[in-house]
Amino acid sequence: MELNYHKPVLLKETVDGLNIKEDGVYVDVTFGGGGHSAEILKRLGDRGKLFAFDQDEDALRNAIDDKRFTLINENFRFIKRYLKFYGIKEVDGILGDFGVSSHQFDEAERGFSTRFDAELDMRMSKKSEISAFNVVNEYSEVDLRKVLSMYGELKNAGSIAKTIVEARSQAPVKTSAELKKVLSRFLPKFKEHKILAQIYQAVRIEVNREVEVLKEFLLQTPEVLKKGGRLSLISYHSLEDRLVKRFIRGGMFEGEPEKDFYGNTNVPFKKVGGLITPSPEEIEKNNRARSAKLRIAERI
C-alpha cells in the first residue's frame, strides 16, 4: 500500500461514519492508495470482509495482502454485478472518495494536471475508449459548450468552445500546452490556474462519465446495503455533492419524493449528522482536501 499514491482525506471521519461491525462486509468503491481500506481492515475481525473497486490499473500495485480483502479492477458503477459474482447480496457499509487520486494528478503523462505539458488524456482507466483528445477535438461546438458550462461552471463556456473549434480546424489540439496557448486570451495571470482547473475538471468529468457513473452507483446502493447499513461518501465539486445530497434526502436526483395518504415519504436513507469538511490542520497538511465534503447516511 502506497500512501504517497494518495493521502486519504477525512480518514477517521469517513471510516467512523461506517459504524463498523467486526464481522461485517464492507465496500471501498474508490481504493486508490488503499488508505481508507487499510483503516477499515484495522477495525474488522477475522470474519469481516472488505471488497474494494478501482478501475485504474496503477492502483493494483497497492493491493493489500489480507485474506479478508478482495480488490476488483473495475469501475464501481458495476458494484451490484461484481458483489453478486463473489456471492454477496448485501453489505454493511459502502465508502466512496470521488476525487482524483494524487497519483493521477502527479503522473504527468496521464494529463490530469495543469502543471505539466502532456498529451490530452485524463482517462482514469487506460481501457477507456474516449480521452480528453477526443472531447477537445471531436465534440461539436454545442456539446463542448455544454460540457464546459455544466461540469466546469464556466460563464464564458460558449466563447471558449468556439475558440477551441476554430483552432482545431487548423490543426488538432494535442497537448495541454497547445490547449493553454489556444485559450490564452481567457487566462489572465491572476486567474489562470483557477480557470484552467475548471476547464480540466469539465473535460475530465466528461471523459470518465463521472456524473453518469455516480448516478448509476447511487441508484444501486439501496439494494446493496442492509437495513441499518451506512453510506460514507466524499465529494469534491458542487455538482457531485448536490447529487449525493439529493439522493440521501429523497432517493432521487430531481424533484421531491411522493408522500402517502398520511404525509409520509418512502425514502431509502436517513442522513446521519451534518456535512463534514476537513479541519484547517488537515488542509494545511494536504491541500487537495480543501474542497472535500463528507455526507453519511443510513439505510432505513
C-alpha atoms as a PDB file:
ATOM      1  CA  MET A   1       0.000   0.000   0.000  1.00  0.00           C
ATOM      2  CA  GLU A   2       1.391   3.409  -1.037  1.00  0.00           C
ATOM      3  CA  LEU A   3       0.167   6.386   0.953  1.00  0.00           C
ATOM      4  CA  ASN A   4       2.262   8.579  -1.373  1.00  0.00           C
ATOM      5  CA  TYR A   5      -0.044   7.361  -4.144  1.00  0.00           C
ATOM      6  CA  HIS A   6      -2.935   9.136  -2.452  1.00  0.00           C
ATOM      7  CA  LYS A   7      -3.236  10.618   1.021  1.00  0.00           C
ATOM      8  CA  PRO A   8      -6.681   9.584   2.337  1.00  0.00           C
ATOM      9  CA  VAL A   9      -8.962  12.535   3.038  1.00  0.00           C
ATOM     10  CA  LEU A  10     -11.087  12.706   6.233  1.00  0.00           C
ATOM     11  CA  LEU A  11      -9.760   9.239   7.087  1.00  0.00           C
ATOM     12  CA  LYS A  12     -11.102   8.879  10.630  1.00  0.00           C
ATOM     13  CA  GLU A  13     -14.375  10.677   9.987  1.00  0.00           C
ATOM     14  CA  THR A  14     -15.198   8.656   6.857  1.00  0.00           C
ATOM     15  CA  VAL A  15     -14.452   5.269   8.402  1.00  0.00           C
ATOM     16  CA  ASP A  16     -16.155   6.259  11.684  1.00  0.00           C
ATOM     17  CA  GLY A  17     -19.214   7.038   9.566  1.00  0.00           C
ATOM     18  CA  LEU A  18     -19.486   3.379   8.567  1.00  0.00           C
ATOM     19  CA  ASN A  19     -20.106   2.364  12.196  1.00  0.00           C
ATOM     20  CA  ILE A  20     -18.114  -0.826  11.548  1.00  0.00           C
ATOM     21  CA  LYS A  21     -19.150  -4.211  12.928  1.00  0.00           C
ATOM     22  CA  GLU A  22     -16.254  -6.618  13.394  1.00  0.00           C
ATOM     23  CA  ASP A  23     -17.910  -9.376  11.351  1.00  0.00           C
ATOM     24  CA  GLY A  24     -19.442  -7.065   8.750  1.00  0.00           C
ATOM     25  CA  VAL A  25     -18.989  -6.874   4.978  1.00  0.00           C
ATOM     26  CA  TYR A  26     -17.833  -3.516   3.582  1.00  0.00           C
ATOM     27  CA  VAL A  27     -17.016  -1.988   0.222  1.00  0.00           C
ATOM     28  CA  ASP A  28     -14.498   0.746  -0.602  1.00  0.00           C
ATOM     29  CA  VAL A  29     -15.527   1.784  -4.114  1.00  0.00           C
ATOM     30  CA  THR A  30     -12.508   4.082  -4.652  1.00  0.00           C
ATOM     31  CA  PHE A  31      -9.483   2.094  -3.467  1.00  0.00           C
ATOM     32  CA  GLY A  32      -6.670   4.299  -4.840  1.00  0.00           C
ATOM     33  CA  GLY A  33      -3.692   4.122  -2.478  1.00  0.00           C
ATOM     34  CA  GLY A  34      -5.599   1.929  -0.026  1.00  0.00           C
ATOM     35  CA  GLY A  35      -5.640   4.334   2.920  1.00  0.00           C
ATOM     36  CA  HIS A  36      -9.345   4.081   3.694  1.00  0.00           C
ATOM     37  CA  SER A  37      -9.335   0.322   3.071  1.00  0.00           C
ATOM     38  CA  ALA A  38      -6.430  -0.207   5.479  1.00  0.00           C
ATOM     39  CA  GLU A  39      -8.310   1.664   8.209  1.00  0.00           C
ATOM     40  CA  ILE A  40     -11.451  -0.416   7.627  1.00  0.00           C
ATOM     41  CA  LEU A  41      -9.423  -3.646   7.872  1.00  0.00           C
ATOM     42  CA  LYS A  42      -7.948  -2.473  11.202  1.00  0.00           C
ATOM     43  CA  ARG A  43     -11.474  -2.371  12.622  1.00  0.00           C
ATOM     44  CA  LEU A  44     -12.680  -5.691  11.186  1.00  0.00           C
ATOM     45  CA  GLY A  45     -12.405  -9.024  12.991  1.00  0.00           C
ATOM     46  CA  ASP A  46     -11.314 -12.328  11.425  1.00  0.00           C
ATOM     47  CA  ARG A  47     -14.775 -12.943   9.974  1.00  0.00           C
ATOM     48  CA  GLY A  48     -15.136  -9.486   8.438  1.00  0.00           C
ATOM     49  CA  LYS A  49     -14.744  -8.861   4.701  1.00  0.00           C
ATOM     50  CA  LEU A  50     -13.748  -5.892   2.589  1.00  0.00           C
ATOM     51  CA  PHE A  51     -14.217  -5.573  -1.159  1.00  0.00           C
ATOM     52  CA  ALA A  52     -12.604  -2.662  -2.994  1.00  0.00           C
ATOM     53  CA  PHE A  53     -13.037  -1.287  -6.508  1.00  0.00           C
ATOM     54  CA  ASP A  54     -10.608   0.694  -8.658  1.00  0.00           C
ATOM     55  CA  GLN A  55     -10.669   0.920 -12.440  1.00  0.00           C
ATOM     56  CA  ASP A  56      -7.137   2.358 -12.593  1.00  0.00           C
ATOM     57  CA  GLU A  57      -4.641  -0.414 -13.333  1.00  0.00           C
ATOM     58  CA  ASP A  58      -1.951   1.532 -11.415  1.00  0.00           C
ATOM     59  CA  ALA A  59      -3.937   1.035  -8.171  1.00  0.00           C
ATOM     60  CA  LEU A  60      -3.446  -2.743  -8.363  1.00  0.00           C
ATOM     61  CA  ARG A  61       0.088  -2.425  -7.049  1.00  0.00           C
ATOM     62  CA  ASN A  62      -1.367  -1.124  -3.780  1.00  0.00           C
ATOM     63  CA  ALA A  63      -3.413  -4.309  -3.188  1.00  0.00           C
ATOM     64  CA  ILE A  64      -3.420  -5.297   0.488  1.00  0.00           C
ATOM     65  CA  ASP A  65      -2.236  -8.814   1.347  1.00  0.00           C
ATOM     66  CA  ASP A  66      -5.039  -9.860   3.677  1.00  0.00           C
ATOM     67  CA  LYS A  67      -7.354 -12.870   3.380  1.00  0.00           C
ATOM     68  CA  ARG A  68     -10.309 -10.624   4.285  1.00  0.00           C
ATOM     69  CA  PHE A  69      -9.627  -8.296   1.344  1.00  0.00           C
ATOM     70  CA  THR A  70     -10.571  -8.524  -2.356  1.00  0.00           C
ATOM     71  CA  LEU A  71      -9.576  -5.837  -4.900  1.00  0.00           C
ATOM     72  CA  ILE A  72     -11.714  -5.647  -8.055  1.00  0.00           C
ATOM     73  CA  ASN A  73     -10.130  -3.854 -11.040  1.00  0.00           C
ATOM     74  CA  GLU A  74     -13.397  -2.369 -12.301  1.00  0.00           C
ATOM     75  CA  ASN A  75     -15.497   0.782 -12.235  1.00  0.00           C
ATOM     76  CA  PHE A  76     -17.765   0.990  -9.184  1.00  0.00           C
ATOM     77  CA  ARG A  77     -20.767   1.514 -11.473  1.00  0.00           C
ATOM     78  CA  PHE A  78     -20.735  -2.318 -11.567  1.00  0.00           C
ATOM     79  CA  ILE A  79     -20.913  -2.721  -7.767  1.00  0.00           C
ATOM     80  CA  LYS A  80     -24.003  -4.928  -7.707  1.00  0.00           C
ATOM     81  CA  ARG A  81     -22.809  -7.182 -10.535  1.00  0.00           C
ATOM     82  CA  TYR A  82     -19.396  -7.879  -9.001  1.00  0.00           C
ATOM     83  CA  LEU A  83     -20.647  -8.352  -5.456  1.00  0.00           C
ATOM     84  CA  LYS A  84     -23.114 -10.894  -6.844  1.00  0.00           C
ATOM     85  CA  PHE A  85     -20.201 -12.637  -8.615  1.00  0.00           C
ATOM     86  CA  TYR A  86     -18.500 -13.032  -5.216  1.00  0.00           C
ATOM     87  CA  GLY A  87     -21.718 -14.321  -3.648  1.00  0.00           C
ATOM     88  CA  ILE A  88     -22.507 -11.112  -1.740  1.00  0.00           C
ATOM     89  CA  LYS A  89     -26.123  -9.917  -1.792  1.00  0.00           C
ATOM     90  CA  GLU A  90     -25.991  -7.247   0.913  1.00  0.00           C
ATOM     91  CA  VAL A  91     -23.255  -5.340   2.725  1.00  0.00           C
ATOM     92  CA  ASP A  92     -22.983  -3.385   5.978  1.00  0.00           C
ATOM     93  CA  GLY A  93     -21.344  -0.274   4.586  1.00  0.00           C
ATOM     94  CA  ILE A  94     -20.046   1.463   1.467  1.00  0.00           C
ATOM     95  CA  LEU A  95     -17.292   4.094   1.397  1.00  0.00           C
ATOM     96  CA  GLY A  96     -16.588   6.347  -1.584  1.00  0.00           C
ATOM     97  CA  ASP A  97     -13.989   9.090  -2.070  1.00  0.00           C
ATOM     98  CA  PHE A  98     -14.804  10.511  -5.501  1.00  0.00           C
ATOM     99  CA  GLY A  99     -11.753  12.710  -6.001  1.00  0.00           C
ATOM    100  CA  VAL A 100      -8.933  12.155  -8.472  1.00  0.00           C
ATOM    101  CA  SER A 101      -6.032  10.469  -6.690  1.00  0.00           C
ATOM    102  CA  SER A 102      -2.796  12.353  -6.031  1.00  0.00           C
ATOM    103  CA  HIS A 103      -1.024   9.726  -8.149  1.00  0.00           C
ATOM    104  CA  GLN A 104      -3.185  10.545 -11.159  1.00  0.00           C
ATOM    105  CA  PHE A 105      -2.503  14.266 -10.746  1.00  0.00           C
ATOM    106  CA  ASP A 106       1.232  13.709 -10.251  1.00  0.00           C
ATOM    107  CA  GLU A 107       1.812  11.359 -13.202  1.00  0.00           C
ATOM    108  CA  ALA A 108       2.465  13.901 -15.960  1.00  0.00           C
ATOM    109  CA  GLU A 109       1.653  11.539 -18.835  1.00  0.00           C
ATOM    110  CA  ARG A 110      -1.870  10.918 -17.503  1.00  0.00           C
ATOM    111  CA  GLY A 111      -2.754  14.510 -18.460  1.00  0.00           C
ATOM    112  CA  PHE A 112      -4.850  15.284 -15.351  1.00  0.00           C
ATOM    113  CA  SER A 113      -2.823  18.217 -14.083  1.00  0.00           C
ATOM    114  CA  THR A 114      -2.451  21.751 -15.402  1.00  0.00           C
ATOM    115  CA  ARG A 115       1.125  21.717 -14.061  1.00  0.00           C
ATOM    116  CA  PHE A 116       2.564  19.554 -16.833  1.00  0.00           C
ATOM    117  CA  ASP A 117       2.692  19.607 -20.602  1.00  0.00           C
ATOM    118  CA  ALA A 118       1.310  16.239 -21.660  1.00  0.00           C
ATOM    119  CA  GLU A 119      -0.917  14.671 -24.288  1.00  0.00           C
ATOM    120  CA  LEU A 120      -4.612  15.273 -23.660  1.00  0.00           C
ATOM    121  CA  ASP A 121      -5.682  12.030 -21.956  1.00  0.00           C
ATOM    122  CA  MET A 122      -7.372  12.190 -18.492  1.00  0.00           C
ATOM    123  CA  ARG A 123      -8.643   8.596 -18.576  1.00  0.00           C
ATOM    124  CA  MET A 124      -8.981   7.023 -15.133  1.00  0.00           C
ATOM    125  CA  SER A 125      -8.810   3.623 -16.810  1.00  0.00           C
ATOM    126  CA  LYS A 126      -6.427   3.149 -19.718  1.00  0.00           C
ATOM    127  CA  LYS A 127      -9.011   0.767 -21.200  1.00  0.00           C
ATOM    128  CA  SER A 128     -11.442   3.649 -21.814  1.00  0.00           C
ATOM    129  CA  GLU A 129     -12.003   4.460 -25.482  1.00  0.00           C
ATOM    130  CA  ILE A 130     -12.626   8.189 -25.080  1.00  0.00           C
ATOM    131  CA  SER A 131      -9.858  10.573 -23.963  1.00  0.00           C
ATOM    132  CA  ALA A 132      -9.528  14.322 -23.473  1.00  0.00           C
ATOM    133  CA  PHE A 133      -8.160  14.495 -27.020  1.00  0.00           C
ATOM    134  CA  ASN A 134     -11.474  13.175 -28.357  1.00  0.00           C
ATOM    135  CA  VAL A 135     -13.528  15.657 -26.323  1.00  0.00           C
ATOM    136  CA  VAL A 136     -11.423  18.666 -27.329  1.00  0.00           C
ATOM    137  CA  ASN A 137     -11.026  17.733 -30.995  1.00  0.00           C
ATOM    138  CA  GLU A 138     -14.173  15.835 -31.930  1.00  0.00           C
ATOM    139  CA  TYR A 139     -17.099  17.220 -29.888  1.00  0.00           C
ATOM    140  CA  SER A 140     -19.365  19.687 -31.665  1.00  0.00           C
ATOM    141  CA  GLU A 141     -19.248  23.292 -30.501  1.00  0.00           C
ATOM    142  CA  VAL A 142     -22.682  22.852 -28.877  1.00  0.00           C
ATOM    143  CA  ASP A 143     -21.624  19.725 -26.952  1.00  0.00           C
ATOM    144  CA  LEU A 144     -18.306  21.269 -25.937  1.00  0.00           C
ATOM    145  CA  ARG A 145     -20.102  24.342 -24.596  1.00  0.00           C
ATOM    146  CA  LYS A 146     -22.476  22.111 -22.645  1.00  0.00           C
ATOM    147  CA  VAL A 147     -19.586  20.177 -21.058  1.00  0.00           C
ATOM    148  CA  LEU A 148     -17.697  23.347 -20.081  1.00  0.00           C
ATOM    149  CA  SER A 149     -20.825  25.007 -18.705  1.00  0.00           C
ATOM    150  CA  MET A 150     -22.274  22.051 -16.770  1.00  0.00           C
ATOM    151  CA  TYR A 151     -19.106  20.465 -15.420  1.00  0.00           C
ATOM    152  CA  GLY A 152     -16.739  23.438 -15.265  1.00  0.00           C
ATOM    153  CA  GLU A 153     -19.370  26.034 -14.335  1.00  0.00           C
ATOM    154  CA  LEU A 154     -17.696  28.454 -16.747  1.00  0.00           C
ATOM    155  CA  LYS A 155     -19.768  31.539 -17.545  1.00  0.00           C
ATOM    156  CA  ASN A 156     -17.986  32.061 -20.875  1.00  0.00           C
ATOM    157  CA  ALA A 157     -18.243  28.391 -21.921  1.00  0.00           C
ATOM    158  CA  GLY A 158     -19.657  29.392 -25.329  1.00  0.00           C
ATOM    159  CA  SER A 159     -16.699  31.623 -26.201  1.00  0.00           C
ATOM    160  CA  ILE A 160     -14.181  29.023 -25.002  1.00  0.00           C
ATOM    161  CA  ALA A 161     -15.874  26.258 -27.034  1.00  0.00           C
ATOM    162  CA  LYS A 162     -15.961  28.477 -30.166  1.00  0.00           C
ATOM    163  CA  THR A 163     -12.254  29.308 -29.786  1.00  0.00           C
ATOM    164  CA  ILE A 164     -11.308  25.606 -29.457  1.00  0.00           C
ATOM    165  CA  VAL A 165     -13.375  24.657 -32.530  1.00  0.00           C
ATOM    166  CA  GLU A 166     -11.770  27.452 -34.607  1.00  0.00           C
ATOM    167  CA  ALA A 167      -8.251  26.443 -33.517  1.00  0.00           C
ATOM    168  CA  ARG A 168      -8.687  22.722 -34.184  1.00  0.00           C
ATOM    169  CA  SER A 169      -9.963  23.438 -37.713  1.00  0.00           C
ATOM    170  CA  GLN A 170      -6.376  24.497 -38.483  1.00  0.00           C
ATOM    171  CA  ALA A 171      -4.644  21.652 -36.603  1.00  0.00           C
ATOM    172  CA  PRO A 172      -5.585  19.169 -33.838  1.00  0.00           C
ATOM    173  CA  VAL A 173      -5.032  20.358 -30.257  1.00  0.00           C
ATOM    174  CA  LYS A 174      -2.860  17.511 -28.934  1.00  0.00           C
ATOM    175  CA  THR A 175      -1.276  18.644 -25.661  1.00  0.00           C
ATOM    176  CA  SER A 176      -2.083  20.667 -22.564  1.00  0.00           C
ATOM    177  CA  ALA A 177       0.436  23.326 -23.664  1.00  0.00           C
ATOM    178  CA  GLU A 178      -1.326  23.645 -27.026  1.00  0.00           C
ATOM    179  CA  LEU A 179      -4.723  23.916 -25.313  1.00  0.00           C
ATOM    180  CA  LYS A 180      -3.361  26.571 -22.968  1.00  0.00           C
ATOM    181  CA  LYS A 181      -1.979  28.543 -25.931  1.00  0.00           C
ATOM    182  CA  VAL A 182      -5.298  28.314 -27.806  1.00  0.00           C
ATOM    183  CA  LEU A 183      -7.139  29.631 -24.737  1.00  0.00           C
ATOM    184  CA  SER A 184      -4.542  32.210 -23.667  1.00  0.00           C
ATOM    185  CA  ARG A 185      -6.934  35.168 -24.032  1.00  0.00           C
ATOM    186  CA  PHE A 186      -9.240  33.591 -21.421  1.00  0.00           C
ATOM    187  CA  LEU A 187      -6.397  33.089 -18.936  1.00  0.00           C
ATOM    188  CA  PRO A 188      -5.379  36.336 -17.217  1.00  0.00           C
ATOM    189  CA  LYS A 189      -2.337  35.789 -14.984  1.00  0.00           C
ATOM    190  CA  PHE A 190      -4.185  36.316 -11.699  1.00  0.00           C
ATOM    191  CA  LYS A 191      -6.876  33.756 -12.647  1.00  0.00           C
ATOM    192  CA  GLU A 192      -5.009  31.401 -14.962  1.00  0.00           C
ATOM    193  CA  HIS A 193      -4.773  28.427 -12.597  1.00  0.00           C
ATOM    194  CA  LYS A 194      -8.402  28.674 -11.446  1.00  0.00           C
ATOM    195  CA  ILE A 195      -9.861  28.876 -14.959  1.00  0.00           C
ATOM    196  CA  LEU A 196      -7.612  26.112 -16.318  1.00  0.00           C
ATOM    197  CA  ALA A 197      -8.616  23.923 -13.368  1.00  0.00           C
ATOM    198  CA  GLN A 198     -12.311  24.476 -14.224  1.00  0.00           C
ATOM    199  CA  ILE A 199     -11.694  23.574 -17.886  1.00  0.00           C
ATOM    200  CA  TYR A 200      -9.705  20.457 -16.940  1.00  0.00           C
ATOM    201  CA  GLN A 201     -12.358  19.414 -14.420  1.00  0.00           C
ATOM    202  CA  ALA A 202     -15.081  19.711 -17.060  1.00  0.00           C
ATOM    203  CA  VAL A 203     -13.204  17.665 -19.647  1.00  0.00           C
ATOM    204  CA  ARG A 204     -12.161  15.036 -17.067  1.00  0.00           C
ATOM    205  CA  ILE A 205     -15.743  14.573 -15.839  1.00  0.00           C
ATOM    206  CA  GLU A 206     -16.901  14.076 -19.438  1.00  0.00           C
ATOM    207  CA  VAL A 207     -14.059  11.681 -20.342  1.00  0.00           C
ATOM    208  CA  ASN A 208     -14.757   9.449 -17.356  1.00  0.00           C
ATOM    209  CA  ARG A 209     -18.560   9.858 -17.393  1.00  0.00           C
ATOM    210  CA  GLU A 210     -18.267  10.748 -13.705  1.00  0.00           C
ATOM    211  CA  VAL A 211     -21.780  12.130 -13.234  1.00  0.00           C
ATOM    212  CA  GLU A 212     -23.396   9.205 -15.065  1.00  0.00           C
ATOM    213  CA  VAL A 213     -21.275   6.707 -13.085  1.00  0.00           C
ATOM    214  CA  LEU A 214     -22.113   8.364  -9.745  1.00  0.00           C
ATOM    215  CA  LYS A 215     -25.833   8.254 -10.511  1.00  0.00           C
ATOM    216  CA  GLU A 216     -25.692   4.584 -11.569  1.00  0.00           C
ATOM    217  CA  PHE A 217     -23.791   3.725  -8.398  1.00  0.00           C
ATOM    218  CA  LEU A 218     -26.114   5.626  -6.046  1.00  0.00           C
ATOM    219  CA  LEU A 219     -29.221   4.027  -7.562  1.00  0.00           C
ATOM    220  CA  GLN A 220     -27.824   0.571  -6.700  1.00  0.00           C
ATOM    221  CA  THR A 221     -26.967   1.360  -3.072  1.00  0.00           C
ATOM    222  CA  PRO A 222     -30.466   0.816  -1.590  1.00  0.00           C
ATOM    223  CA  GLU A 223     -30.426  -2.744  -2.976  1.00  0.00           C
ATOM    224  CA  VAL A 224     -26.867  -3.491  -1.908  1.00  0.00           C
ATOM    225  CA  LEU A 225     -26.992  -2.089   1.643  1.00  0.00           C
ATOM    226  CA  LYS A 226     -28.614  -3.955   4.527  1.00  0.00           C
ATOM    227  CA  LYS A 227     -31.102  -2.074   6.685  1.00  0.00           C
ATOM    228  CA  GLY A 228     -29.006  -0.121   9.161  1.00  0.00           C
ATOM    229  CA  GLY A 229     -26.053  -0.207   6.738  1.00  0.00           C
ATOM    230  CA  ARG A 230     -24.145   3.009   6.122  1.00  0.00           C
ATOM    231  CA  LEU A 231     -23.040   5.130   3.178  1.00  0.00           C
ATOM    232  CA  SER A 232     -19.986   7.322   3.788  1.00  0.00           C
ATOM    233  CA  LEU A 233     -19.287   9.457   0.705  1.00  0.00           C
ATOM    234  CA  ILE A 234     -16.782  12.238  -0.035  1.00  0.00           C
ATOM    235  CA  SER A 235     -17.450  14.647  -2.925  1.00  0.00           C
ATOM    236  CA  TYR A 236     -15.201  17.406  -4.266  1.00  0.00           C
ATOM    237  CA  HIS A 237     -17.256  19.586  -6.562  1.00  0.00           C
ATOM    238  CA  SER A 238     -20.714  21.077  -6.185  1.00  0.00           C
ATOM    239  CA  LEU A 239     -22.401  19.058  -8.925  1.00  0.00           C
ATOM    240  CA  GLU A 240     -21.289  15.764  -7.356  1.00  0.00           C
ATOM    241  CA  ASP A 241     -22.152  16.846  -3.809  1.00  0.00           C
ATOM    242  CA  ARG A 242     -25.584  18.021  -4.932  1.00  0.00           C
ATOM    243  CA  LEU A 243     -26.351  14.574  -6.411  1.00  0.00           C
ATOM    244  CA  VAL A 244     -25.250  12.815  -3.208  1.00  0.00           C
ATOM    245  CA  LYS A 245     -27.204  15.236  -1.000  1.00  0.00           C
ATOM    246  CA  ARG A 246     -30.413  14.932  -3.045  1.00  0.00           C
ATOM    247  CA  PHE A 247     -30.181  11.152  -3.241  1.00  0.00           C
ATOM    248  CA  ILE A 248     -29.698  10.810   0.512  1.00  0.00           C
ATOM    249  CA  ARG A 249     -32.607  13.171   1.147  1.00  0.00           C
ATOM    250  CA  GLY A 250     -35.122  11.716  -1.296  1.00  0.00           C
ATOM    251  CA  GLY A 251     -33.743   8.671  -3.111  1.00  0.00           C
ATOM    252  CA  MET A 252     -33.796  10.643  -6.382  1.00  0.00           C
ATOM    253  CA  PHE A 253     -31.807  13.344  -8.152  1.00  0.00           C
ATOM    254  CA  GLU A 254     -34.599  15.735  -9.118  1.00  0.00           C
ATOM    255  CA  GLY A 255     -37.946  16.699  -7.654  1.00  0.00           C
ATOM    256  CA  GLU A 256     -39.355  15.558  -4.331  1.00  0.00           C
ATOM    257  CA  PRO A 257     -40.343  12.059  -3.171  1.00  0.00           C
ATOM    258  CA  GLU A 258     -44.046  11.239  -3.230  1.00  0.00           C
ATOM    259  CA  LYS A 259     -45.962  11.242   0.049  1.00  0.00           C
ATOM    260  CA  ASP A 260     -48.550   8.682   1.085  1.00  0.00           C
ATOM    261  CA  PHE A 261     -52.046   9.472   2.427  1.00  0.00           C
ATOM    262  CA  TYR A 262     -50.560  10.243   5.865  1.00  0.00           C
ATOM    263  CA  GLY A 263     -47.871  12.561   4.516  1.00  0.00           C
ATOM    264  CA  ASN A 264     -45.016  10.061   4.918  1.00  0.00           C
ATOM    265  CA  THR A 265     -42.331   9.636   2.278  1.00  0.00           C
ATOM    266  CA  ASN A 266     -40.872   6.283   1.324  1.00  0.00           C
ATOM    267  CA  VAL A 267     -37.182   7.158   1.134  1.00  0.00           C
ATOM    268  CA  PRO A 268     -34.329   4.625   1.360  1.00  0.00           C
ATOM    269  CA  PHE A 269     -31.961   6.600   3.609  1.00  0.00           C
ATOM    270  CA  LYS A 270     -31.820   8.917   6.571  1.00  0.00           C
ATOM    271  CA  LYS A 271     -28.881  11.245   6.936  1.00  0.00           C
ATOM    272  CA  VAL A 272     -26.510  10.753   9.849  1.00  0.00           C
ATOM    273  CA  GLY A 273     -25.190  14.038  11.263  1.00  0.00           C
ATOM    274  CA  GLY A 274     -24.461  17.072   9.137  1.00  0.00           C
ATOM    275  CA  LEU A 275     -21.994  17.933   6.423  1.00  0.00           C
ATOM    276  CA  ILE A 276     -18.376  17.197   7.456  1.00  0.00           C
ATOM    277  CA  THR A 277     -15.438  19.115   5.972  1.00  0.00           C
ATOM    278  CA  PRO A 278     -11.692  18.862   6.674  1.00  0.00           C
ATOM    279  CA  SER A 279     -10.148  20.800   9.533  1.00  0.00           C
ATOM    280  CA  PRO A 280      -7.721  23.663   8.803  1.00  0.00           C
ATOM    281  CA  GLU A 281      -4.954  21.366  10.099  1.00  0.00           C
ATOM    282  CA  GLU A 282      -5.796  18.651   7.554  1.00  0.00           C
ATOM    283  CA  ILE A 283      -5.975  21.176   4.714  1.00  0.00           C
ATOM    284  CA  GLU A 284      -2.575  22.545   5.729  1.00  0.00           C
ATOM    285  CA  LYS A 285      -1.093  19.024   5.534  1.00  0.00           C
ATOM    286  CA  ASN A 286      -2.988  18.057   2.372  1.00  0.00           C
ATOM    287  CA  ASN A 287      -4.150  20.986   0.240  1.00  0.00           C
ATOM    288  CA  ARG A 288      -6.115  18.664  -2.044  1.00  0.00           C
ATOM    289  CA  ALA A 289      -8.523  18.047   0.834  1.00  0.00           C
ATOM    290  CA  ARG A 290      -9.736  21.666   0.828  1.00  0.00           C
ATOM    291  CA  SER A 291     -12.908  21.097  -1.228  1.00  0.00           C
ATOM    292  CA  ALA A 292     -13.866  17.721   0.298  1.00  0.00           C
ATOM    293  CA  LYS A 293     -17.415  17.270   1.630  1.00  0.00           C
ATOM    294  CA  LEU A 294     -18.402  14.152   3.555  1.00  0.00           C
ATOM    295  CA  ARG A 295     -22.012  13.018   3.866  1.00  0.00           C
ATOM    296  CA  ILE A 296     -23.113   9.958   5.854  1.00  0.00           C
ATOM    297  CA  ALA A 297     -26.436   8.133   5.532  1.00  0.00           C
ATOM    298  CA  GLU A 298     -28.079   5.035   6.974  1.00  0.00           C
ATOM    299  CA  ARG A 299     -30.315   2.581   5.098  1.00  0.00           C
ATOM    300  CA  ILE A 300     -33.809   2.643   6.573  1.00  0.00           C
END
